[in-house]
N, C-alpha and C. Protein backbone atom coordinates (compact mmCIF):
# COMPACT_ATOMS: atom_id res chain seq x y z
N MET A 1 0.84 -1.20 0.00
CA MET A 1 0.00 0.00 0.00
C MET A 1 0.88 1.25 0.00
N LYS A 2 0.47 2.21 -0.81
CA LYS A 2 1.17 3.49 -0.85
C LYS A 2 0.20 4.58 -0.41
N PRO A 3 0.49 5.26 0.68
CA PRO A 3 -0.42 6.30 1.17
C PRO A 3 -0.74 7.34 0.09
N GLY A 4 -2.03 7.63 -0.08
CA GLY A 4 -2.46 8.60 -1.07
C GLY A 4 -2.81 8.02 -2.41
N SER A 5 -2.48 6.75 -2.62
CA SER A 5 -2.76 6.11 -3.90
C SER A 5 -4.12 5.42 -3.88
N ALA A 6 -4.77 5.37 -5.06
CA ALA A 6 -6.01 4.60 -5.21
C ALA A 6 -5.69 3.12 -5.43
N THR A 7 -4.45 2.78 -5.38
CA THR A 7 -3.89 1.43 -5.55
C THR A 7 -4.24 0.84 -6.91
N PHE A 8 -4.82 -0.38 -6.93
CA PHE A 8 -5.07 -1.08 -8.18
C PHE A 8 -6.56 -1.14 -8.50
N PRO A 9 -6.90 -1.37 -9.78
CA PRO A 9 -8.32 -1.45 -10.16
C PRO A 9 -9.03 -2.60 -9.47
N PHE A 10 -10.32 -2.40 -9.17
CA PHE A 10 -11.13 -3.46 -8.60
C PHE A 10 -11.48 -4.45 -9.70
N PHE A 11 -11.90 -5.65 -9.31
CA PHE A 11 -12.24 -6.69 -10.28
C PHE A 11 -13.28 -6.20 -11.28
N GLY A 12 -13.05 -6.45 -12.54
CA GLY A 12 -14.01 -6.10 -13.57
C GLY A 12 -13.88 -4.69 -14.12
N ILE A 13 -12.97 -3.91 -13.56
CA ILE A 13 -12.79 -2.53 -14.02
C ILE A 13 -11.43 -2.40 -14.71
N THR A 14 -11.44 -1.86 -15.91
CA THR A 14 -10.21 -1.73 -16.69
C THR A 14 -9.93 -0.26 -16.99
N PRO A 15 -9.19 0.41 -16.11
CA PRO A 15 -8.88 1.82 -16.35
C PRO A 15 -7.75 1.98 -17.37
N VAL A 16 -7.75 3.11 -18.03
CA VAL A 16 -6.66 3.45 -18.94
C VAL A 16 -6.30 4.92 -18.72
N ILE A 17 -5.07 5.25 -19.06
CA ILE A 17 -4.62 6.63 -19.03
C ILE A 17 -4.58 7.12 -20.47
N LEU A 18 -5.26 8.23 -20.74
CA LEU A 18 -5.31 8.78 -22.09
C LEU A 18 -4.54 10.10 -22.16
N ASP A 19 -4.00 10.39 -23.35
CA ASP A 19 -3.45 11.72 -23.56
C ASP A 19 -4.60 12.65 -23.99
N PRO A 20 -4.36 13.95 -24.11
CA PRO A 20 -5.46 14.87 -24.44
C PRO A 20 -6.16 14.59 -25.76
N ASP A 21 -5.52 13.81 -26.64
CA ASP A 21 -6.13 13.47 -27.93
C ASP A 21 -6.88 12.14 -27.89
N GLY A 22 -6.91 11.50 -26.71
CA GLY A 22 -7.65 10.25 -26.58
C GLY A 22 -6.86 9.00 -26.88
N ASN A 23 -5.53 9.11 -26.96
CA ASN A 23 -4.69 7.94 -27.20
C ASN A 23 -4.29 7.30 -25.88
N GLU A 24 -4.37 5.97 -25.80
CA GLU A 24 -3.98 5.27 -24.59
C GLU A 24 -2.47 5.35 -24.38
N LEU A 25 -2.08 5.62 -23.14
CA LEU A 25 -0.67 5.67 -22.77
C LEU A 25 -0.31 4.34 -22.13
N SER A 26 0.52 3.58 -22.80
CA SER A 26 0.92 2.27 -22.27
C SER A 26 2.23 2.40 -21.52
N GLY A 27 2.53 1.37 -20.74
CA GLY A 27 3.77 1.38 -19.97
C GLY A 27 3.68 2.22 -18.72
N ASN A 28 4.64 2.04 -17.86
CA ASN A 28 4.70 2.77 -16.60
C ASN A 28 6.05 3.47 -16.47
N PRO A 29 6.07 4.68 -15.92
CA PRO A 29 4.91 5.46 -15.45
C PRO A 29 4.20 6.15 -16.61
N ALA A 30 2.99 6.64 -16.31
CA ALA A 30 2.20 7.38 -17.29
C ALA A 30 1.30 8.35 -16.55
N GLU A 31 1.03 9.48 -17.16
CA GLU A 31 0.15 10.48 -16.53
C GLU A 31 -0.72 11.12 -17.60
N GLY A 32 -2.00 11.29 -17.29
CA GLY A 32 -2.92 11.90 -18.24
C GLY A 32 -4.33 11.91 -17.71
N LEU A 33 -5.28 11.49 -18.55
CA LEU A 33 -6.70 11.52 -18.21
C LEU A 33 -7.19 10.11 -17.91
N LEU A 34 -7.95 9.96 -16.84
CA LEU A 34 -8.42 8.64 -16.42
C LEU A 34 -9.74 8.29 -17.11
N ALA A 35 -9.74 7.16 -17.81
CA ALA A 35 -10.95 6.68 -18.47
C ALA A 35 -11.07 5.18 -18.25
N ILE A 36 -12.23 4.63 -18.58
CA ILE A 36 -12.47 3.20 -18.46
C ILE A 36 -12.93 2.71 -19.82
N ASN A 37 -12.30 1.63 -20.31
CA ASN A 37 -12.55 1.24 -21.70
C ASN A 37 -13.55 0.12 -21.89
N THR A 38 -14.12 -0.40 -20.80
CA THR A 38 -15.17 -1.41 -20.91
C THR A 38 -16.22 -1.16 -19.83
N SER A 39 -17.40 -1.72 -20.03
CA SER A 39 -18.43 -1.63 -18.99
C SER A 39 -18.03 -2.48 -17.80
N TRP A 40 -18.62 -2.22 -16.65
CA TRP A 40 -18.27 -2.97 -15.45
C TRP A 40 -19.52 -3.21 -14.61
N PRO A 41 -19.47 -4.20 -13.73
CA PRO A 41 -20.63 -4.51 -12.87
C PRO A 41 -21.01 -3.31 -12.01
N GLY A 42 -22.29 -2.98 -12.00
CA GLY A 42 -22.76 -1.87 -11.17
C GLY A 42 -22.65 -0.51 -11.82
N GLN A 43 -22.25 -0.46 -13.08
CA GLN A 43 -22.13 0.82 -13.77
C GLN A 43 -23.50 1.46 -13.96
N MET A 44 -23.60 2.76 -13.69
CA MET A 44 -24.88 3.42 -13.94
C MET A 44 -25.13 3.48 -15.45
N ARG A 45 -26.40 3.51 -15.83
CA ARG A 45 -26.76 3.41 -17.24
C ARG A 45 -27.37 4.67 -17.81
N THR A 46 -27.76 5.58 -16.96
CA THR A 46 -28.37 6.81 -17.45
C THR A 46 -28.48 7.81 -16.30
N ILE A 47 -28.91 9.01 -16.64
CA ILE A 47 -29.32 10.00 -15.64
C ILE A 47 -30.82 10.13 -15.77
N TYR A 48 -31.53 9.92 -14.70
CA TYR A 48 -32.99 9.87 -14.74
C TYR A 48 -33.57 11.06 -15.50
N GLY A 49 -34.34 10.76 -16.52
CA GLY A 49 -35.02 11.80 -17.26
C GLY A 49 -34.17 12.56 -18.26
N ASP A 50 -32.88 12.21 -18.36
CA ASP A 50 -32.02 12.97 -19.27
C ASP A 50 -30.87 12.09 -19.76
N HIS A 51 -31.20 11.14 -20.62
CA HIS A 51 -30.19 10.20 -21.11
C HIS A 51 -29.13 10.91 -21.94
N GLN A 52 -29.51 11.94 -22.67
CA GLN A 52 -28.54 12.66 -23.50
C GLN A 52 -27.47 13.31 -22.63
N ARG A 53 -27.88 13.83 -21.48
CA ARG A 53 -26.91 14.43 -20.57
C ARG A 53 -25.93 13.37 -20.08
N PHE A 54 -26.42 12.17 -19.82
CA PHE A 54 -25.55 11.07 -19.39
C PHE A 54 -24.50 10.79 -20.46
N PHE A 55 -24.95 10.70 -21.71
CA PHE A 55 -24.02 10.44 -22.81
C PHE A 55 -23.02 11.58 -22.96
N ASP A 56 -23.53 12.81 -22.96
CA ASP A 56 -22.66 13.97 -23.17
C ASP A 56 -21.60 14.10 -22.08
N THR A 57 -21.99 13.77 -20.85
CA THR A 57 -21.08 13.94 -19.71
C THR A 57 -19.96 12.91 -19.70
N TYR A 58 -20.29 11.65 -19.99
CA TYR A 58 -19.32 10.58 -19.78
C TYR A 58 -18.76 9.93 -21.04
N PHE A 59 -19.44 10.05 -22.17
CA PHE A 59 -19.02 9.30 -23.35
C PHE A 59 -18.69 10.14 -24.58
N SER A 60 -18.99 11.42 -24.55
CA SER A 60 -18.79 12.24 -25.75
C SER A 60 -17.36 12.73 -25.92
N MET A 61 -16.61 12.83 -24.82
CA MET A 61 -15.26 13.38 -24.90
C MET A 61 -14.32 12.47 -25.69
N PHE A 62 -14.34 11.18 -25.37
CA PHE A 62 -13.47 10.22 -26.04
C PHE A 62 -14.30 9.01 -26.47
N LYS A 63 -14.48 8.85 -27.76
CA LYS A 63 -15.33 7.80 -28.29
C LYS A 63 -14.84 6.43 -27.85
N GLY A 64 -15.78 5.63 -27.30
CA GLY A 64 -15.44 4.28 -26.87
C GLY A 64 -14.94 4.18 -25.45
N TYR A 65 -14.87 5.32 -24.76
CA TYR A 65 -14.38 5.31 -23.38
C TYR A 65 -15.37 6.02 -22.46
N TYR A 66 -15.41 5.55 -21.22
CA TYR A 66 -16.13 6.26 -20.15
C TYR A 66 -15.10 7.20 -19.53
N PHE A 67 -15.30 8.50 -19.70
CA PHE A 67 -14.36 9.48 -19.17
C PHE A 67 -14.77 9.90 -17.77
N THR A 68 -13.90 9.68 -16.81
CA THR A 68 -14.24 9.93 -15.40
C THR A 68 -14.24 11.40 -15.04
N GLY A 69 -13.52 12.21 -15.83
CA GLY A 69 -13.37 13.62 -15.46
C GLY A 69 -12.21 13.86 -14.53
N ASP A 70 -11.41 12.81 -14.26
CA ASP A 70 -10.26 12.93 -13.37
C ASP A 70 -8.95 12.82 -14.14
N GLY A 71 -7.96 13.51 -13.64
CA GLY A 71 -6.60 13.29 -14.09
C GLY A 71 -5.99 12.21 -13.21
N ALA A 72 -5.05 11.46 -13.74
CA ALA A 72 -4.45 10.38 -12.95
C ALA A 72 -3.05 10.07 -13.47
N ARG A 73 -2.28 9.45 -12.62
CA ARG A 73 -0.99 8.92 -13.06
C ARG A 73 -0.85 7.49 -12.57
N ARG A 74 -0.13 6.71 -13.32
CA ARG A 74 0.15 5.33 -12.97
C ARG A 74 1.65 5.23 -12.76
N ASP A 75 2.06 4.86 -11.56
CA ASP A 75 3.49 4.88 -11.27
C ASP A 75 4.19 3.63 -11.81
N GLU A 76 5.47 3.54 -11.53
CA GLU A 76 6.27 2.45 -12.09
C GLU A 76 5.85 1.08 -11.59
N ASP A 77 5.12 1.04 -10.48
CA ASP A 77 4.64 -0.24 -9.94
C ASP A 77 3.19 -0.53 -10.33
N GLY A 78 2.58 0.34 -11.13
CA GLY A 78 1.20 0.12 -11.57
C GLY A 78 0.15 0.70 -10.65
N TYR A 79 0.56 1.40 -9.60
CA TYR A 79 -0.39 2.04 -8.69
C TYR A 79 -1.00 3.27 -9.37
N TYR A 80 -2.29 3.47 -9.16
CA TYR A 80 -2.98 4.63 -9.72
C TYR A 80 -3.09 5.74 -8.67
N TRP A 81 -2.86 6.96 -9.12
CA TRP A 81 -2.96 8.14 -8.27
C TRP A 81 -3.89 9.15 -8.94
N ILE A 82 -4.92 9.60 -8.23
CA ILE A 82 -5.83 10.60 -8.77
C ILE A 82 -5.22 11.98 -8.54
N THR A 83 -5.06 12.75 -9.61
CA THR A 83 -4.40 14.05 -9.50
C THR A 83 -5.36 15.22 -9.45
N GLY A 84 -6.65 14.97 -9.68
CA GLY A 84 -7.63 16.06 -9.58
C GLY A 84 -8.61 16.05 -10.73
N ARG A 85 -9.65 16.87 -10.61
CA ARG A 85 -10.68 16.94 -11.64
C ARG A 85 -10.17 17.68 -12.88
N VAL A 86 -10.49 17.13 -14.02
CA VAL A 86 -10.12 17.78 -15.28
C VAL A 86 -11.31 17.80 -16.24
N ASP A 87 -12.53 17.58 -15.71
CA ASP A 87 -13.67 17.47 -16.61
C ASP A 87 -14.01 18.79 -17.30
N ASP A 88 -13.46 19.90 -16.79
CA ASP A 88 -13.57 21.15 -17.53
C ASP A 88 -12.40 21.23 -18.49
N VAL A 89 -12.46 20.47 -19.55
CA VAL A 89 -11.41 20.48 -20.56
C VAL A 89 -11.80 21.50 -21.62
N LEU A 90 -10.92 22.44 -21.88
CA LEU A 90 -11.18 23.48 -22.86
C LEU A 90 -10.55 23.10 -24.20
N ASN A 91 -11.19 23.50 -25.27
CA ASN A 91 -10.63 23.30 -26.61
C ASN A 91 -10.27 24.67 -27.16
N VAL A 92 -9.00 25.02 -27.00
CA VAL A 92 -8.52 26.34 -27.39
C VAL A 92 -7.68 26.22 -28.66
N SER A 93 -8.21 26.67 -29.75
CA SER A 93 -7.51 26.58 -31.05
C SER A 93 -7.03 25.17 -31.34
N GLY A 94 -7.84 24.19 -31.00
CA GLY A 94 -7.49 22.80 -31.26
C GLY A 94 -6.69 22.14 -30.17
N HIS A 95 -6.27 22.88 -29.15
CA HIS A 95 -5.54 22.32 -28.02
C HIS A 95 -6.51 21.98 -26.90
N ARG A 96 -6.44 20.75 -26.40
CA ARG A 96 -7.26 20.37 -25.24
C ARG A 96 -6.50 20.73 -23.97
N LEU A 97 -7.11 21.57 -23.15
CA LEU A 97 -6.46 22.04 -21.94
C LEU A 97 -7.33 21.77 -20.73
N GLY A 98 -6.77 21.15 -19.72
CA GLY A 98 -7.49 20.93 -18.47
C GLY A 98 -7.44 22.19 -17.63
N THR A 99 -8.60 22.61 -17.12
CA THR A 99 -8.62 23.82 -16.31
C THR A 99 -7.78 23.67 -15.05
N ALA A 100 -7.72 22.46 -14.50
CA ALA A 100 -6.94 22.24 -13.28
C ALA A 100 -5.46 22.53 -13.52
N GLU A 101 -4.98 22.17 -14.71
CA GLU A 101 -3.57 22.41 -15.04
C GLU A 101 -3.28 23.91 -15.13
N ILE A 102 -4.19 24.64 -15.75
CA ILE A 102 -4.00 26.09 -15.86
C ILE A 102 -4.10 26.75 -14.49
N GLU A 103 -5.06 26.29 -13.69
CA GLU A 103 -5.21 26.83 -12.33
C GLU A 103 -3.94 26.59 -11.51
N GLY A 104 -3.33 25.42 -11.69
CA GLY A 104 -2.10 25.12 -10.97
C GLY A 104 -0.97 26.04 -11.37
N ALA A 105 -0.90 26.35 -12.66
CA ALA A 105 0.15 27.25 -13.15
C ALA A 105 -0.06 28.67 -12.62
N ILE A 106 -1.31 29.12 -12.62
CA ILE A 106 -1.61 30.45 -12.08
C ILE A 106 -1.28 30.49 -10.59
N GLY A 107 -1.65 29.42 -9.88
CA GLY A 107 -1.39 29.35 -8.44
C GLY A 107 0.08 29.31 -8.08
N ALA A 108 0.93 29.02 -9.07
CA ALA A 108 2.37 29.00 -8.81
C ALA A 108 2.95 30.41 -8.67
N HIS A 109 2.17 31.42 -9.07
CA HIS A 109 2.62 32.80 -8.90
C HIS A 109 2.53 33.15 -7.41
N PRO A 110 3.57 33.72 -6.84
CA PRO A 110 3.59 33.98 -5.39
C PRO A 110 2.52 34.93 -4.88
N SER A 111 1.94 35.74 -5.75
CA SER A 111 0.92 36.69 -5.31
C SER A 111 -0.48 36.11 -5.34
N VAL A 112 -0.62 34.90 -5.89
CA VAL A 112 -1.95 34.30 -6.07
C VAL A 112 -2.32 33.41 -4.89
N ALA A 113 -3.50 33.65 -4.33
CA ALA A 113 -4.01 32.81 -3.25
C ALA A 113 -4.85 31.67 -3.81
N GLU A 114 -5.63 31.96 -4.84
CA GLU A 114 -6.54 30.95 -5.39
C GLU A 114 -6.94 31.36 -6.80
N ALA A 115 -7.23 30.35 -7.63
CA ALA A 115 -7.64 30.65 -9.00
C ALA A 115 -8.66 29.63 -9.48
N ALA A 116 -9.53 30.07 -10.37
CA ALA A 116 -10.49 29.18 -11.02
C ALA A 116 -10.56 29.57 -12.49
N VAL A 117 -10.55 28.58 -13.36
CA VAL A 117 -10.53 28.82 -14.80
C VAL A 117 -11.76 28.20 -15.45
N VAL A 118 -12.38 28.94 -16.35
CA VAL A 118 -13.50 28.42 -17.15
C VAL A 118 -13.28 28.85 -18.60
N GLY A 119 -14.05 28.25 -19.49
CA GLY A 119 -14.00 28.64 -20.88
C GLY A 119 -15.13 29.59 -21.21
N TYR A 120 -14.94 30.35 -22.27
CA TYR A 120 -16.00 31.24 -22.75
C TYR A 120 -15.90 31.31 -24.27
N PRO A 121 -16.98 31.62 -24.96
CA PRO A 121 -16.95 31.64 -26.43
C PRO A 121 -15.95 32.67 -26.96
N HIS A 122 -15.11 32.23 -27.89
CA HIS A 122 -14.10 33.10 -28.49
C HIS A 122 -14.23 33.03 -30.00
N ASP A 123 -14.33 34.17 -30.66
CA ASP A 123 -14.59 34.21 -32.10
C ASP A 123 -13.50 33.53 -32.92
N ILE A 124 -12.27 33.58 -32.47
CA ILE A 124 -11.16 33.03 -33.24
C ILE A 124 -10.74 31.65 -32.73
N LYS A 125 -10.62 31.50 -31.41
CA LYS A 125 -10.11 30.26 -30.83
C LYS A 125 -11.17 29.19 -30.59
N GLY A 126 -12.43 29.57 -30.69
CA GLY A 126 -13.49 28.63 -30.34
C GLY A 126 -13.85 28.78 -28.88
N GLN A 127 -12.87 28.53 -28.01
CA GLN A 127 -13.00 28.80 -26.58
C GLN A 127 -11.81 29.61 -26.12
N GLY A 128 -12.08 30.57 -25.25
CA GLY A 128 -11.02 31.34 -24.64
C GLY A 128 -10.85 30.92 -23.19
N VAL A 129 -9.71 31.30 -22.61
CA VAL A 129 -9.41 30.97 -21.22
C VAL A 129 -9.72 32.18 -20.35
N TYR A 130 -10.67 32.01 -19.44
CA TYR A 130 -11.09 33.08 -18.53
C TYR A 130 -10.70 32.67 -17.12
N ALA A 131 -9.82 33.45 -16.50
CA ALA A 131 -9.30 33.10 -15.17
C ALA A 131 -9.80 34.08 -14.11
N TYR A 132 -10.36 33.53 -13.05
CA TYR A 132 -10.72 34.30 -11.87
C TYR A 132 -9.59 34.11 -10.86
N VAL A 133 -9.05 35.21 -10.38
CA VAL A 133 -7.88 35.13 -9.51
C VAL A 133 -8.11 35.92 -8.22
N THR A 134 -7.87 35.25 -7.10
CA THR A 134 -7.88 35.89 -5.79
C THR A 134 -6.43 36.04 -5.34
N LEU A 135 -6.04 37.26 -5.02
CA LEU A 135 -4.66 37.52 -4.63
C LEU A 135 -4.47 37.42 -3.12
N MET A 136 -3.22 37.30 -2.73
CA MET A 136 -2.87 37.25 -1.32
C MET A 136 -3.31 38.54 -0.63
N ALA A 137 -3.54 38.44 0.68
CA ALA A 137 -3.96 39.60 1.46
C ALA A 137 -2.95 40.73 1.31
N GLY A 138 -3.46 41.93 1.09
CA GLY A 138 -2.59 43.10 0.98
C GLY A 138 -2.07 43.39 -0.41
N ILE A 139 -2.37 42.50 -1.37
CA ILE A 139 -1.89 42.70 -2.74
C ILE A 139 -3.07 43.08 -3.63
N GLU A 140 -2.89 44.13 -4.39
CA GLU A 140 -3.94 44.59 -5.30
C GLU A 140 -3.58 44.23 -6.74
N GLY A 141 -4.60 43.85 -7.48
CA GLY A 141 -4.37 43.50 -8.87
C GLY A 141 -4.01 44.70 -9.72
N ASN A 142 -3.01 44.54 -10.57
CA ASN A 142 -2.62 45.60 -11.50
C ASN A 142 -2.08 44.98 -12.77
N GLU A 143 -1.70 45.81 -13.72
CA GLU A 143 -1.24 45.31 -15.02
C GLU A 143 0.04 44.50 -14.90
N ASN A 144 0.91 44.85 -13.95
CA ASN A 144 2.16 44.11 -13.79
C ASN A 144 1.90 42.68 -13.32
N ILE A 145 1.03 42.54 -12.32
CA ILE A 145 0.71 41.21 -11.82
C ILE A 145 -0.02 40.41 -12.90
N LEU A 146 -0.93 41.07 -13.62
CA LEU A 146 -1.66 40.40 -14.69
C LEU A 146 -0.69 39.84 -15.73
N SER A 147 0.29 40.65 -16.13
CA SER A 147 1.27 40.21 -17.11
C SER A 147 2.14 39.08 -16.56
N ASP A 148 2.51 39.19 -15.28
CA ASP A 148 3.34 38.16 -14.66
C ASP A 148 2.61 36.82 -14.59
N ILE A 149 1.31 36.86 -14.30
CA ILE A 149 0.53 35.62 -14.24
C ILE A 149 0.48 34.96 -15.61
N LYS A 150 0.24 35.74 -16.64
CA LYS A 150 0.22 35.19 -17.99
C LYS A 150 1.57 34.59 -18.36
N LEU A 151 2.64 35.27 -17.96
CA LEU A 151 3.99 34.78 -18.24
C LEU A 151 4.24 33.46 -17.52
N LYS A 152 3.77 33.36 -16.28
CA LYS A 152 3.94 32.13 -15.51
C LYS A 152 3.26 30.95 -16.21
N VAL A 153 2.05 31.17 -16.72
CA VAL A 153 1.33 30.11 -17.43
C VAL A 153 2.08 29.72 -18.70
N ARG A 154 2.60 30.71 -19.41
CA ARG A 154 3.37 30.43 -20.63
C ARG A 154 4.61 29.60 -20.31
N GLU A 155 5.26 29.90 -19.20
CA GLU A 155 6.47 29.18 -18.81
C GLU A 155 6.17 27.74 -18.44
N LEU A 156 5.08 27.52 -17.69
CA LEU A 156 4.80 26.19 -17.16
C LEU A 156 4.02 25.30 -18.12
N ILE A 157 3.22 25.89 -18.99
CA ILE A 157 2.40 25.08 -19.91
C ILE A 157 2.71 25.41 -21.37
N GLY A 158 2.61 26.69 -21.71
CA GLY A 158 2.84 27.10 -23.09
C GLY A 158 1.98 28.30 -23.44
N PRO A 159 2.31 28.99 -24.52
CA PRO A 159 1.55 30.20 -24.88
C PRO A 159 0.09 29.94 -25.19
N HIS A 160 -0.24 28.73 -25.65
CA HIS A 160 -1.63 28.43 -26.00
C HIS A 160 -2.54 28.39 -24.77
N ALA A 161 -1.95 28.26 -23.57
CA ALA A 161 -2.74 28.16 -22.34
C ALA A 161 -2.85 29.50 -21.61
N SER A 162 -2.18 30.51 -22.11
CA SER A 162 -2.20 31.81 -21.43
C SER A 162 -3.62 32.37 -21.39
N PRO A 163 -4.08 32.83 -20.23
CA PRO A 163 -5.45 33.34 -20.11
C PRO A 163 -5.72 34.52 -21.04
N ASP A 164 -6.87 34.48 -21.69
CA ASP A 164 -7.29 35.61 -22.52
C ASP A 164 -7.81 36.74 -21.65
N LYS A 165 -8.45 36.38 -20.56
CA LYS A 165 -8.98 37.37 -19.63
C LYS A 165 -8.66 36.94 -18.20
N ILE A 166 -8.25 37.89 -17.39
CA ILE A 166 -8.01 37.63 -15.97
C ILE A 166 -8.90 38.59 -15.17
N HIS A 167 -9.69 38.01 -14.30
CA HIS A 167 -10.66 38.75 -13.49
C HIS A 167 -10.22 38.65 -12.03
N PHE A 168 -9.70 39.75 -11.49
CA PHE A 168 -9.31 39.75 -10.08
C PHE A 168 -10.57 39.87 -9.22
N THR A 169 -10.67 39.02 -8.22
CA THR A 169 -11.86 38.99 -7.37
C THR A 169 -11.44 38.73 -5.92
N PRO A 170 -12.10 39.36 -4.95
CA PRO A 170 -11.73 39.14 -3.55
C PRO A 170 -12.03 37.73 -3.05
N ALA A 171 -12.97 37.04 -3.72
CA ALA A 171 -13.32 35.67 -3.31
C ALA A 171 -14.01 34.97 -4.47
N LEU A 172 -14.01 33.64 -4.42
CA LEU A 172 -14.69 32.84 -5.43
C LEU A 172 -16.02 32.33 -4.88
N PRO A 173 -17.03 32.20 -5.73
CA PRO A 173 -18.32 31.68 -5.25
C PRO A 173 -18.22 30.20 -4.91
N LYS A 174 -18.46 29.88 -3.64
CA LYS A 174 -18.33 28.50 -3.18
C LYS A 174 -19.57 28.08 -2.40
N THR A 175 -19.82 26.78 -2.42
CA THR A 175 -20.88 26.23 -1.58
C THR A 175 -20.37 26.17 -0.14
N ARG A 176 -21.26 25.83 0.76
CA ARG A 176 -20.86 25.75 2.17
C ARG A 176 -19.83 24.65 2.41
N SER A 177 -19.76 23.70 1.50
CA SER A 177 -18.77 22.62 1.64
C SER A 177 -17.43 22.98 0.99
N GLY A 178 -17.37 24.18 0.38
CA GLY A 178 -16.12 24.64 -0.20
C GLY A 178 -15.95 24.37 -1.68
N LYS A 179 -16.98 23.86 -2.34
CA LYS A 179 -16.89 23.57 -3.77
C LYS A 179 -17.13 24.85 -4.57
N ILE A 180 -16.24 25.11 -5.53
CA ILE A 180 -16.39 26.29 -6.38
C ILE A 180 -17.56 26.09 -7.34
N MET A 181 -18.44 27.07 -7.42
CA MET A 181 -19.61 27.00 -8.31
C MET A 181 -19.20 27.48 -9.71
N ARG A 182 -18.66 26.57 -10.50
CA ARG A 182 -18.17 26.93 -11.83
C ARG A 182 -19.29 27.32 -12.78
N ARG A 183 -20.47 26.79 -12.54
CA ARG A 183 -21.61 27.18 -13.36
C ARG A 183 -21.81 28.69 -13.34
N ILE A 184 -21.68 29.27 -12.16
CA ILE A 184 -21.84 30.71 -12.01
C ILE A 184 -20.69 31.46 -12.68
N LEU A 185 -19.48 30.93 -12.54
CA LEU A 185 -18.33 31.57 -13.16
C LEU A 185 -18.45 31.58 -14.69
N ARG A 186 -18.98 30.49 -15.24
CA ARG A 186 -19.17 30.43 -16.70
C ARG A 186 -20.17 31.49 -17.16
N LYS A 187 -21.27 31.63 -16.39
CA LYS A 187 -22.29 32.62 -16.74
C LYS A 187 -21.70 34.03 -16.75
N ILE A 188 -20.90 34.34 -15.73
CA ILE A 188 -20.29 35.66 -15.65
C ILE A 188 -19.32 35.86 -16.80
N ALA A 189 -18.52 34.84 -17.11
CA ALA A 189 -17.55 34.93 -18.20
C ALA A 189 -18.24 35.16 -19.54
N GLU A 190 -19.43 34.60 -19.69
CA GLU A 190 -20.19 34.75 -20.94
C GLU A 190 -21.00 36.04 -20.97
N GLY A 191 -20.96 36.80 -19.86
CA GLY A 191 -21.70 38.05 -19.80
C GLY A 191 -23.17 37.88 -19.49
N ASP A 192 -23.56 36.68 -19.07
CA ASP A 192 -24.97 36.38 -18.78
C ASP A 192 -25.24 36.51 -17.29
N THR A 193 -25.00 37.69 -16.74
CA THR A 193 -25.11 37.88 -15.30
C THR A 193 -26.54 37.94 -14.79
N GLU A 194 -27.51 38.05 -15.71
CA GLU A 194 -28.91 38.12 -15.30
C GLU A 194 -29.50 36.73 -15.08
N ASN A 195 -28.77 35.69 -15.47
CA ASN A 195 -29.29 34.33 -15.37
C ASN A 195 -28.31 33.41 -14.65
N LEU A 196 -27.94 33.79 -13.44
CA LEU A 196 -26.98 33.00 -12.68
C LEU A 196 -27.60 31.75 -12.08
N GLY A 197 -28.93 31.67 -12.07
CA GLY A 197 -29.58 30.50 -11.50
C GLY A 197 -29.63 30.56 -9.98
N ASP A 198 -29.82 29.41 -9.37
CA ASP A 198 -29.96 29.31 -7.92
C ASP A 198 -28.63 29.60 -7.23
N ILE A 199 -28.59 30.63 -6.40
CA ILE A 199 -27.37 30.94 -5.65
C ILE A 199 -27.58 30.74 -4.15
N SER A 200 -28.68 30.08 -3.79
CA SER A 200 -29.00 29.89 -2.37
C SER A 200 -28.02 28.97 -1.67
N THR A 201 -27.31 28.13 -2.44
CA THR A 201 -26.37 27.20 -1.82
C THR A 201 -24.99 27.81 -1.60
N LEU A 202 -24.80 29.05 -2.03
CA LEU A 202 -23.51 29.69 -1.83
C LEU A 202 -23.30 30.02 -0.35
N ALA A 203 -22.06 29.84 0.09
CA ALA A 203 -21.74 30.19 1.47
C ALA A 203 -21.85 31.70 1.68
N ASP A 204 -21.50 32.47 0.64
CA ASP A 204 -21.59 33.92 0.71
C ASP A 204 -22.14 34.45 -0.61
N PRO A 205 -23.47 34.58 -0.73
CA PRO A 205 -24.08 35.04 -1.98
C PRO A 205 -23.61 36.42 -2.42
N SER A 206 -23.10 37.23 -1.48
CA SER A 206 -22.66 38.58 -1.83
C SER A 206 -21.46 38.56 -2.77
N VAL A 207 -20.78 37.41 -2.87
CA VAL A 207 -19.61 37.30 -3.75
C VAL A 207 -19.98 37.60 -5.19
N VAL A 208 -21.21 37.25 -5.58
CA VAL A 208 -21.62 37.45 -6.98
C VAL A 208 -22.49 38.68 -7.17
N ASP A 209 -22.68 39.47 -6.13
CA ASP A 209 -23.47 40.69 -6.26
C ASP A 209 -22.77 41.67 -7.18
N GLY A 210 -23.54 42.28 -8.05
CA GLY A 210 -22.98 43.27 -8.95
C GLY A 210 -22.18 42.65 -10.06
């Protein structure tokens, strides 16, 4: 047993690690997107009343695979490690980018306390990268920090992942359990602030006021 690892697949489950283009990564170690290439006992078959949503959520990203929405790595001994959610995969000018990866790069900047990334419609790229950034206490957002954050993303990932828009915010909209409400962030990024939907589950609804 390795602390922190999901260890090995349970009987009847065949996980695979995929690259962003949907190709299986063989051999160990490997790191990428966690998918399952066959059905397994106890697998759910639909979402009640919305089968299309079930298909779109789990099967549309990579044909022939059940996409878990998680990033994972398989170490040299075959142990699986979950690295975080990547189901918000953006398609920016043909590049598949996991929002978690971009958030990690933004968070590597010393002035950044927290970041959340969503996609928004872009006339040229298809999807643009919209980053919400909360800075450390006592630091105010300015053009220098904005440029430095973009540079950090370019250094760690590449120019194609650099945020098109950076929105400095004192806090991110979260539920009482601490989950970021990305649905709301997408609406704001798209300019649809009049239709944010139910915000009663937010720990602090004032975060999205105005």
